Amino acid sequence: MPKHVLFLSAPAFGHVFPTLTIAEALAKRGHRVSYATTEPFVEYAQLSGVDPLVYGPSLAAIPAAVSDHADTAEIVLACMRFYEEGLRCVDGVEALVEHAPDLIVFDPMMYGAAAVLGRKWTVPIILTHPNLAFNDTVDWTAPRRAELLAGPRGAEAAAVESGLQDLFVQHGIDETLLHQPDDLALVFVPRDFQPQGESFSDHYAFVGPCNDGTIFQGDWNPPTPDRPVLFISLGTVHNARPDFFRLFATAFADLDWHVVVTLGGWADADLGELPPNFEVHPWIPQVAVLEHATVFLSNGGLGGVMSAVQQGTPLLLAPEVAEQDMDARQVVELGLGRVVELSTITPDALRHAVLDLAADERTAAKVRWMRDRVRESGGTARAADLIEARMGG
């Protein structure tokens, strides 16, 4: 019997795309799916065949205010504000739907609203982890907040923290359930990739990457099939760095590789003249390129990391913020790739880093092992199965 599923998203590509892929799978199975997000993501919801719901202006204004070169402190503060505002305007979130759904799927930043509405509607609420999961043993969120509170923006953060605590009390919400969920939590990595994965209860389902939806689709083939491919992407948040792309042009101009660069949406007018072995796009179907890539040079965003491992591509990571540092540490610890510092590396050193990684058989074997763990995790189909089971249909 068809059900109604409400998704409460956090408006960032790495949060929206995997959950929207699951939403699409549920819609294809005949369920009614409502997907709450901000205006820039409405077109992706429509492409995915689900019903977009648009958050009010107070929620939409928070991610829109994050700068192109935001540091960890700015990002964490924005996340805290979004978390607070989602709970503060829970009545506005409720008003987005005409009738109570049968189940809510929510981003951690929408936990407050999901907890209130799930209780009011007496429906299950399912947590999703777009980043690495956290619990009482592996709580990577606490140091981020503590560091922010102790830093120059500490007064702002303390005010948000105080407001959050008041709202939890006002609404009778137990925030510990975000770290110890008593319902299902979906994690977009295999358990073997998760730090201290054995510490997570059976409430956590490590389904791996969910990247087979319409929004991920597209074709790409190398112009010369027997030529190695270097794929470069710095994601969609910290990518407006023409100096980095000029570094790439110098490092790889004379390399007998085909170099594919995606700019994450910004124009390439400031890049200058690029070598003939470069192919530059504002956007490109990432999974399709990774299928052919020999090395993936990335900022360490978890979606890109998992897509590369899924295709058996070694990783050369240049993390810029705390969550990317955390992903990079796991990649290095598990032998799936290496880390470079783009702001200080020379073109020669970067070129050698790519060539050394491509020739490293030990890394290749580790990547193949993790690729198998990804494929065993079940991905989108397993996530949709688990949600349907929770709805009893």
Protein backbone atom coordinates (compact mmCIF):
# COMPACT_ATOMS: atom_id res chain seq x y z
CA MET A 1 0.00 0.00 0.00
CA PRO A 2 1.46 3.40 -0.96
CA LYS A 3 2.56 5.65 1.89
CA HIS A 4 3.51 9.30 2.31
CA VAL A 5 7.15 10.03 3.20
CA LEU A 6 8.36 13.49 4.22
CA PHE A 7 12.06 14.34 3.83
CA LEU A 8 13.44 17.24 5.88
CA SER A 9 16.74 18.15 4.24
CA ALA A 10 19.62 20.48 4.99
CA PRO A 11 20.31 22.55 1.86
CA ALA A 12 23.82 21.52 0.84
CA PHE A 13 24.69 19.33 -2.15
CA GLY A 14 26.30 16.59 -0.07
CA HIS A 15 23.20 16.42 2.11
CA VAL A 16 20.55 16.78 -0.60
CA PHE A 17 21.80 14.50 -3.39
CA PRO A 18 22.00 11.16 -1.51
CA THR A 19 18.69 11.69 0.29
CA LEU A 20 16.99 12.89 -2.87
CA THR A 21 18.18 9.71 -4.57
CA ILE A 22 16.44 7.64 -1.87
CA ALA A 23 13.35 9.84 -2.17
CA GLU A 24 13.27 9.17 -5.93
CA ALA A 25 13.54 5.41 -5.37
CA LEU A 26 10.57 5.51 -2.99
CA ALA A 27 8.54 7.58 -5.47
CA LYS A 28 9.27 5.02 -8.20
CA ARG A 29 7.88 2.35 -5.89
CA GLY A 30 4.57 4.20 -5.82
CA HIS A 31 4.87 6.19 -2.61
CA ARG A 32 4.01 9.84 -2.29
CA VAL A 33 7.23 11.66 -1.42
CA SER A 34 7.47 15.27 -0.21
CA TYR A 35 10.94 16.80 -0.06
CA ALA A 36 11.51 19.96 1.98
CA THR A 37 14.47 22.09 0.92
CA THR A 38 15.41 25.61 -0.16
CA GLU A 39 14.70 27.22 -3.52
CA PRO A 40 18.07 26.41 -5.21
CA PHE A 41 17.37 22.67 -4.83
CA VAL A 42 13.76 22.66 -6.03
CA GLU A 43 14.77 21.86 -9.62
CA TYR A 44 16.66 18.76 -8.43
CA ALA A 45 13.60 17.56 -6.52
CA GLN A 46 11.46 18.03 -9.62
CA LEU A 47 13.98 16.14 -11.76
CA SER A 48 13.84 13.33 -9.23
CA GLY A 49 10.07 13.03 -9.51
CA VAL A 50 9.20 14.06 -5.95
CA ASP A 51 7.11 16.93 -4.59
CA PRO A 52 9.31 19.86 -3.54
CA LEU A 53 8.38 21.84 -0.44
CA VAL A 54 10.20 25.15 0.12
CA TYR A 55 11.40 26.22 3.55
CA GLY A 56 10.48 29.68 4.75
CA PRO A 57 12.82 32.67 4.32
CA SER A 58 14.37 32.47 7.80
CA LEU A 59 15.70 28.97 7.15
CA ALA A 60 16.68 29.72 3.55
CA ALA A 61 18.69 32.79 4.57
CA ILE A 62 21.16 30.84 6.71
CA PRO A 63 22.91 28.67 4.07
CA ALA A 64 22.66 31.51 1.56
CA ALA A 65 24.82 33.66 3.86
CA VAL A 66 27.77 31.21 4.01
CA SER A 67 30.69 32.73 2.10
CA ASP A 68 32.64 31.06 -0.72
CA HIS A 69 35.74 30.79 1.47
CA ALA A 70 34.00 29.85 4.70
CA ASP A 71 36.23 28.28 7.32
CA THR A 72 35.21 25.53 9.73
CA ALA A 73 34.01 28.03 12.34
CA GLU A 74 31.68 29.79 9.91
CA ILE A 75 30.27 26.50 8.64
CA VAL A 76 29.71 25.03 12.11
CA LEU A 77 28.03 28.25 13.27
CA ALA A 78 25.76 28.22 10.21
CA CYS A 79 24.85 24.59 10.91
CA MET A 80 24.01 25.43 14.52
CA ARG A 81 21.86 28.35 13.42
CA PHE A 82 20.05 26.19 10.88
CA TYR A 83 19.49 23.54 13.57
CA GLU A 84 18.07 26.17 15.94
CA GLU A 85 15.93 27.86 13.31
CA GLY A 86 14.46 24.54 12.15
CA LEU A 87 13.13 24.01 15.66
CA ARG A 88 12.19 27.64 16.20
CA CYS A 89 9.98 27.65 13.09
CA VAL A 90 8.65 24.10 13.42
CA ASP A 91 5.09 25.37 12.90
CA GLY A 92 6.16 26.73 9.53
CA VAL A 93 7.72 23.38 8.64
CA GLU A 94 4.52 21.61 9.66
CA ALA A 95 2.49 23.98 7.50
CA LEU A 96 4.38 22.80 4.39
CA VAL A 97 2.33 19.58 4.32
CA GLU A 98 -1.46 19.35 4.16
CA HIS A 99 -1.71 16.01 5.94
CA ALA A 100 0.55 14.13 8.30
CA PRO A 101 2.96 11.76 6.52
CA ASP A 102 3.47 8.13 7.43
CA LEU A 103 7.19 8.63 8.12
CA ILE A 104 9.81 11.40 8.31
CA VAL A 105 13.36 11.08 6.96
CA PHE A 106 15.55 13.87 8.33
CA ASP A 107 18.98 15.41 8.21
CA PRO A 108 20.76 15.82 11.59
CA MET A 109 20.33 19.59 11.26
CA MET A 110 16.56 19.09 11.17
CA TYR A 111 16.43 16.77 14.19
CA GLY A 112 14.52 19.24 16.39
CA ALA A 113 11.72 19.75 13.89
CA ALA A 114 11.59 16.03 13.07
CA ALA A 115 11.39 15.08 16.76
CA VAL A 116 8.53 17.51 17.42
CA LEU A 117 6.57 16.58 14.31
CA GLY A 118 7.17 12.84 14.65
CA ARG A 119 5.79 12.94 18.18
CA LYS A 120 2.82 15.11 17.16
CA TRP A 121 1.95 12.93 14.20
CA THR A 122 2.94 9.67 15.96
CA VAL A 123 5.05 8.55 13.00
CA PRO A 124 8.57 7.05 12.83
CA ILE A 125 11.50 9.41 12.21
CA ILE A 126 14.58 8.13 10.36
CA LEU A 127 17.94 9.86 10.69
CA THR A 128 20.37 10.19 7.77
CA HIS A 129 24.12 10.78 8.10
CA PRO A 130 25.52 12.64 5.04
CA ASN A 131 28.86 12.86 6.87
CA LEU A 132 30.47 10.15 8.96
CA ALA A 133 28.10 8.95 11.66
CA PHE A 134 28.38 9.95 15.31
CA ASN A 135 27.34 8.36 18.57
CA ASP A 136 28.45 8.54 22.22
CA THR A 137 31.74 6.83 21.34
CA VAL A 138 32.52 8.68 18.12
CA ASP A 139 31.13 12.17 18.64
CA TRP A 140 33.07 14.25 16.13
CA THR A 141 30.49 17.06 16.41
CA ALA A 142 31.34 17.94 20.04
CA PRO A 143 34.95 19.07 19.37
CA ARG A 144 33.74 21.25 16.49
CA ARG A 145 31.25 23.04 18.73
CA ALA A 146 33.72 23.28 21.63
CA GLU A 147 36.38 24.77 19.36
CA LEU A 148 33.88 27.29 18.04
CA LEU A 149 32.77 28.28 21.54
CA ALA A 150 36.40 28.89 22.51
CA GLY A 151 37.20 30.90 19.38
CA PRO A 152 36.62 34.50 18.29
CA ARG A 153 33.01 33.70 17.33
CA GLY A 154 32.37 32.08 20.69
CA ALA A 155 29.85 34.67 21.87
CA GLU A 156 27.71 34.12 18.76
CA ALA A 157 27.95 30.37 19.15
CA ALA A 158 27.10 30.51 22.86
CA ALA A 159 23.96 32.51 22.12
CA VAL A 160 22.85 29.93 19.55
CA GLU A 161 23.71 27.08 21.93
CA SER A 162 21.69 28.70 24.71
CA GLY A 163 18.75 29.24 22.37
CA LEU A 164 18.88 25.60 21.31
CA GLN A 165 18.85 24.35 24.88
CA ASP A 166 15.87 26.57 25.71
CA LEU A 167 14.01 25.20 22.69
CA PHE A 168 14.78 21.60 23.66
CA VAL A 169 13.29 22.23 27.09
CA GLN A 170 10.33 24.12 25.65
CA HIS A 171 9.47 21.29 23.26
CA GLY A 172 10.46 18.43 25.57
CA ILE A 173 13.11 17.08 23.19
CA ASP A 174 15.83 14.66 24.26
CA GLU A 175 18.86 15.61 22.16
CA THR A 176 20.72 12.47 23.25
CA LEU A 177 18.52 10.53 20.82
CA LEU A 178 20.44 12.18 18.00
CA HIS A 179 23.52 10.30 19.26
CA GLN A 180 21.64 7.20 20.42
CA PRO A 181 18.73 6.85 17.97
CA ASP A 182 15.98 4.50 19.02
CA ASP A 183 14.80 4.28 15.44
CA LEU A 184 16.60 3.72 12.15
CA ALA A 185 19.67 5.74 11.13
CA LEU A 186 20.98 5.52 7.55
CA VAL A 187 24.72 6.06 7.01
CA PHE A 188 26.14 6.64 3.52
CA VAL A 189 29.40 4.71 4.03
CA PRO A 190 30.13 1.02 4.63
CA ARG A 191 30.63 0.10 8.29
CA ASP A 192 34.26 -0.73 7.45
CA PHE A 193 34.87 2.91 6.49
CA GLN A 194 33.25 4.36 9.61
CA PRO A 195 35.64 5.19 12.49
CA GLN A 196 35.00 2.67 15.29
CA GLY A 197 32.22 1.18 13.23
CA GLU A 198 31.79 -1.68 15.70
CA SER A 199 30.58 0.79 18.36
CA PHE A 200 27.37 1.58 16.46
CA SER A 201 24.21 -0.26 17.41
CA ASP A 202 21.92 -2.20 15.10
CA HIS A 203 19.81 0.93 14.74
CA TYR A 204 22.49 2.17 12.32
CA ALA A 205 22.29 0.81 8.77
CA PHE A 206 25.51 1.44 6.85
CA VAL A 207 24.04 1.46 3.34
CA GLY A 208 26.99 3.08 1.57
CA PRO A 209 26.73 5.73 -1.16
CA CYS A 210 23.34 6.47 -2.67
CA ASN A 211 24.35 8.00 -5.98
CA ASP A 212 22.35 6.21 -8.68
CA GLY A 213 19.48 8.69 -8.89
CA THR A 214 18.54 10.86 -11.83
CA ILE A 215 20.53 13.82 -10.48
CA PHE A 216 23.73 11.75 -10.68
CA GLN A 217 23.13 10.48 -14.20
CA GLY A 218 25.09 11.43 -17.28
CA ASP A 219 27.60 10.03 -19.76
CA TRP A 220 31.27 10.74 -20.16
CA ASN A 221 33.94 8.90 -22.11
CA PRO A 222 37.65 9.69 -22.40
CA PRO A 223 38.67 11.13 -25.77
CA THR A 224 41.59 8.68 -25.91
CA PRO A 225 40.67 5.34 -24.31
CA ASP A 226 44.25 4.22 -23.58
CA ARG A 227 45.32 7.48 -21.90
CA PRO A 228 45.20 7.75 -18.07
CA VAL A 229 42.59 10.15 -16.68
CA LEU A 230 43.09 12.53 -13.77
CA PHE A 231 39.81 13.85 -12.40
CA ILE A 232 39.98 17.05 -10.32
CA SER A 233 37.09 18.36 -8.22
CA LEU A 234 37.15 20.61 -5.18
CA GLY A 235 33.44 20.21 -4.50
CA THR A 236 30.70 22.83 -4.44
CA VAL A 237 31.56 24.95 -1.37
CA HIS A 238 35.31 25.67 -1.29
CA ASN A 239 35.99 25.58 -5.01
CA ALA A 240 36.31 29.22 -6.06
CA ARG A 241 40.12 29.14 -6.06
CA PRO A 242 41.58 30.08 -9.47
CA ASP A 243 45.08 29.84 -7.96
CA PHE A 244 44.58 26.13 -7.36
CA PHE A 245 43.49 25.55 -10.94
CA ARG A 246 46.51 27.45 -12.25
CA LEU A 247 48.64 25.17 -10.07
CA PHE A 248 47.00 22.18 -11.77
CA ALA A 249 47.68 23.64 -15.22
CA THR A 250 51.37 24.01 -14.42
CA ALA A 251 51.67 20.61 -12.77
CA PHE A 252 49.92 18.56 -15.44
CA ALA A 253 50.46 20.47 -18.71
CA ASP A 254 53.23 18.14 -19.91
CA LEU A 255 51.74 14.97 -18.45
CA ASP A 256 50.55 12.40 -20.97
CA TRP A 257 47.23 12.17 -19.18
CA HIS A 258 43.79 13.55 -19.93
CA VAL A 259 42.83 15.94 -17.13
CA VAL A 260 39.15 16.55 -16.36
CA VAL A 261 38.32 19.50 -14.11
CA THR A 262 34.91 20.33 -12.67
CA LEU A 263 34.47 23.79 -11.19
CA GLY A 264 31.45 23.02 -9.01
CA GLY A 265 29.29 25.58 -10.76
CA TRP A 266 31.42 28.71 -10.98
CA ALA A 267 32.61 30.22 -14.27
CA ASP A 268 36.07 29.44 -15.61
CA ALA A 269 36.80 32.95 -16.90
CA ASP A 270 39.59 33.53 -14.36
CA LEU A 271 41.52 30.35 -15.11
CA GLY A 272 43.49 31.74 -18.03
CA GLU A 273 44.70 29.62 -20.91
CA LEU A 274 44.68 25.92 -20.08
CA PRO A 275 46.80 23.15 -21.63
CA PRO A 276 45.33 21.11 -24.51
CA ASN A 277 45.12 17.96 -22.35
CA PHE A 278 42.64 19.74 -20.01
CA GLU A 279 38.86 19.47 -20.18
CA VAL A 280 37.03 21.93 -17.92
CA HIS A 281 33.33 21.95 -16.97
CA PRO A 282 31.19 23.93 -14.53
CA TRP A 283 29.47 20.59 -13.80
CA ILE A 284 30.06 17.05 -14.98
CA PRO A 285 28.54 13.66 -14.04
CA GLN A 286 31.04 12.67 -11.38
CA VAL A 287 30.33 8.96 -11.25
CA ALA A 288 30.65 8.66 -15.04
CA VAL A 289 34.10 10.29 -14.99
CA LEU A 290 35.28 8.27 -11.99
CA GLU A 291 34.47 5.08 -13.89
CA HIS A 292 37.42 5.93 -16.15
CA ALA A 293 39.65 7.86 -13.74
CA THR A 294 43.11 6.65 -12.72
CA VAL A 295 43.36 9.14 -9.82
CA PHE A 296 40.79 11.44 -8.21
CA LEU A 297 42.13 14.72 -6.78
CA SER A 298 39.47 15.99 -4.41
CA ASN A 299 38.88 18.15 -1.34
CA GLY A 300 37.74 15.08 0.60
CA GLY A 301 33.99 15.61 0.57
CA LEU A 302 32.43 12.32 1.59
CA GLY A 303 30.19 11.95 -1.45
CA GLY A 304 33.13 12.22 -3.82
CA VAL A 305 35.29 9.93 -1.69
CA MET A 306 32.64 7.21 -1.66
CA SER A 307 31.94 7.57 -5.39
CA ALA A 308 35.65 7.18 -6.15
CA VAL A 309 36.00 4.10 -3.95
CA GLN A 310 32.85 2.68 -5.53
CA GLN A 311 34.58 2.91 -8.92
CA GLY A 312 37.94 1.63 -7.62
CA THR A 313 39.73 4.98 -8.04
CA PRO A 314 42.59 5.93 -5.64
CA LEU A 315 42.26 9.27 -3.85
CA LEU A 316 44.59 12.24 -3.57
CA LEU A 317 42.91 14.56 -1.08
CA ALA A 318 43.39 18.24 -0.26
CA PRO A 319 40.99 18.88 2.64
CA GLU A 320 40.14 22.45 3.65
CA VAL A 321 37.67 22.12 6.54
CA ALA A 322 37.28 19.84 9.54
CA GLU A 323 34.82 17.34 8.05
CA GLN A 324 37.09 16.88 5.05
CA ASP A 325 40.08 16.40 7.38
CA MET A 326 38.16 13.64 9.11
CA ASP A 327 37.33 11.91 5.82
CA ALA A 328 40.95 12.25 4.70
CA ARG A 329 42.24 10.65 7.88
CA GLN A 330 40.05 7.63 7.24
CA VAL A 331 41.23 7.41 3.63
CA VAL A 332 44.88 7.46 4.72
CA GLU A 333 44.36 5.08 7.65
CA LEU A 334 42.58 2.58 5.43
CA GLY A 335 45.22 2.86 2.69
CA LEU A 336 42.83 4.24 0.06
CA GLY A 337 44.89 7.28 -0.87
CA ARG A 338 47.06 10.17 0.29
CA VAL A 339 46.84 13.79 1.38
CA VAL A 340 48.47 16.91 -0.10
CA GLU A 341 48.45 20.57 0.90
CA LEU A 342 47.61 22.55 -2.22
CA SER A 343 48.48 25.92 -0.73
CA THR A 344 52.16 24.96 -0.27
CA ILE A 345 52.88 22.14 -2.72
CA THR A 346 54.96 22.82 -5.83
CA PRO A 347 53.77 21.81 -9.30
CA ASP A 348 56.54 19.20 -9.54
CA ALA A 349 55.64 17.68 -6.19
CA LEU A 350 51.95 17.55 -7.11
CA ARG A 351 52.70 15.85 -10.41
CA HIS A 352 54.89 13.25 -8.67
CA ALA A 353 52.20 12.68 -6.05
CA VAL A 354 49.70 11.79 -8.77
CA LEU A 355 52.14 9.51 -10.63
CA ASP A 356 53.29 7.75 -7.44
CA LEU A 357 49.72 7.12 -6.33
CA ALA A 358 48.74 5.76 -9.74
CA ALA A 359 51.63 3.28 -9.60
CA ASP A 360 50.99 2.15 -6.01
CA GLU A 361 49.71 -1.43 -6.18
CA ARG A 362 49.16 -1.63 -2.42
CA THR A 363 46.77 1.32 -2.54
CA ALA A 364 45.00 -0.16 -5.55
CA ALA A 365 44.41 -3.42 -3.66
CA LYS A 366 43.02 -1.55 -0.63
CA VAL A 367 40.69 0.45 -2.85
CA ARG A 368 39.41 -2.73 -4.50
CA TRP A 369 38.74 -4.23 -1.07
CA MET A 370 36.74 -1.19 0.04
CA ARG A 371 34.94 -1.11 -3.31
CA ASP A 372 33.62 -4.58 -2.53
CA ARG A 373 32.48 -3.41 0.92
CA VAL A 374 30.63 -0.52 -0.75
CA ARG A 375 28.85 -2.87 -3.12
CA GLU A 376 27.88 -5.20 -0.29
CA SER A 377 26.32 -2.32 1.68
CA GLY A 378 23.25 -2.17 -0.56
CA GLY A 379 23.08 1.53 -1.45
CA THR A 380 19.82 3.16 -2.50
CA ALA A 381 17.81 -0.04 -2.87
CA ARG A 382 18.64 -1.18 0.66
CA ALA A 383 17.87 2.26 2.10
CA ALA A 384 14.47 2.26 0.39
CA ASP A 385 13.79 -1.31 1.56
CA LEU A 386 14.53 -0.35 5.16
CA ILE A 387 12.26 2.71 5.01
CA GLU A 388 9.44 0.66 3.52
CA ALA A 389 9.88 -1.98 6.21
CA ARG A 390 9.66 0.71 8.88
CA MET A 391 6.35 1.87 7.39
CA GLY A 392 5.09 -1.70 7.31
CA GLY A 393 4.84 -1.82 3.55
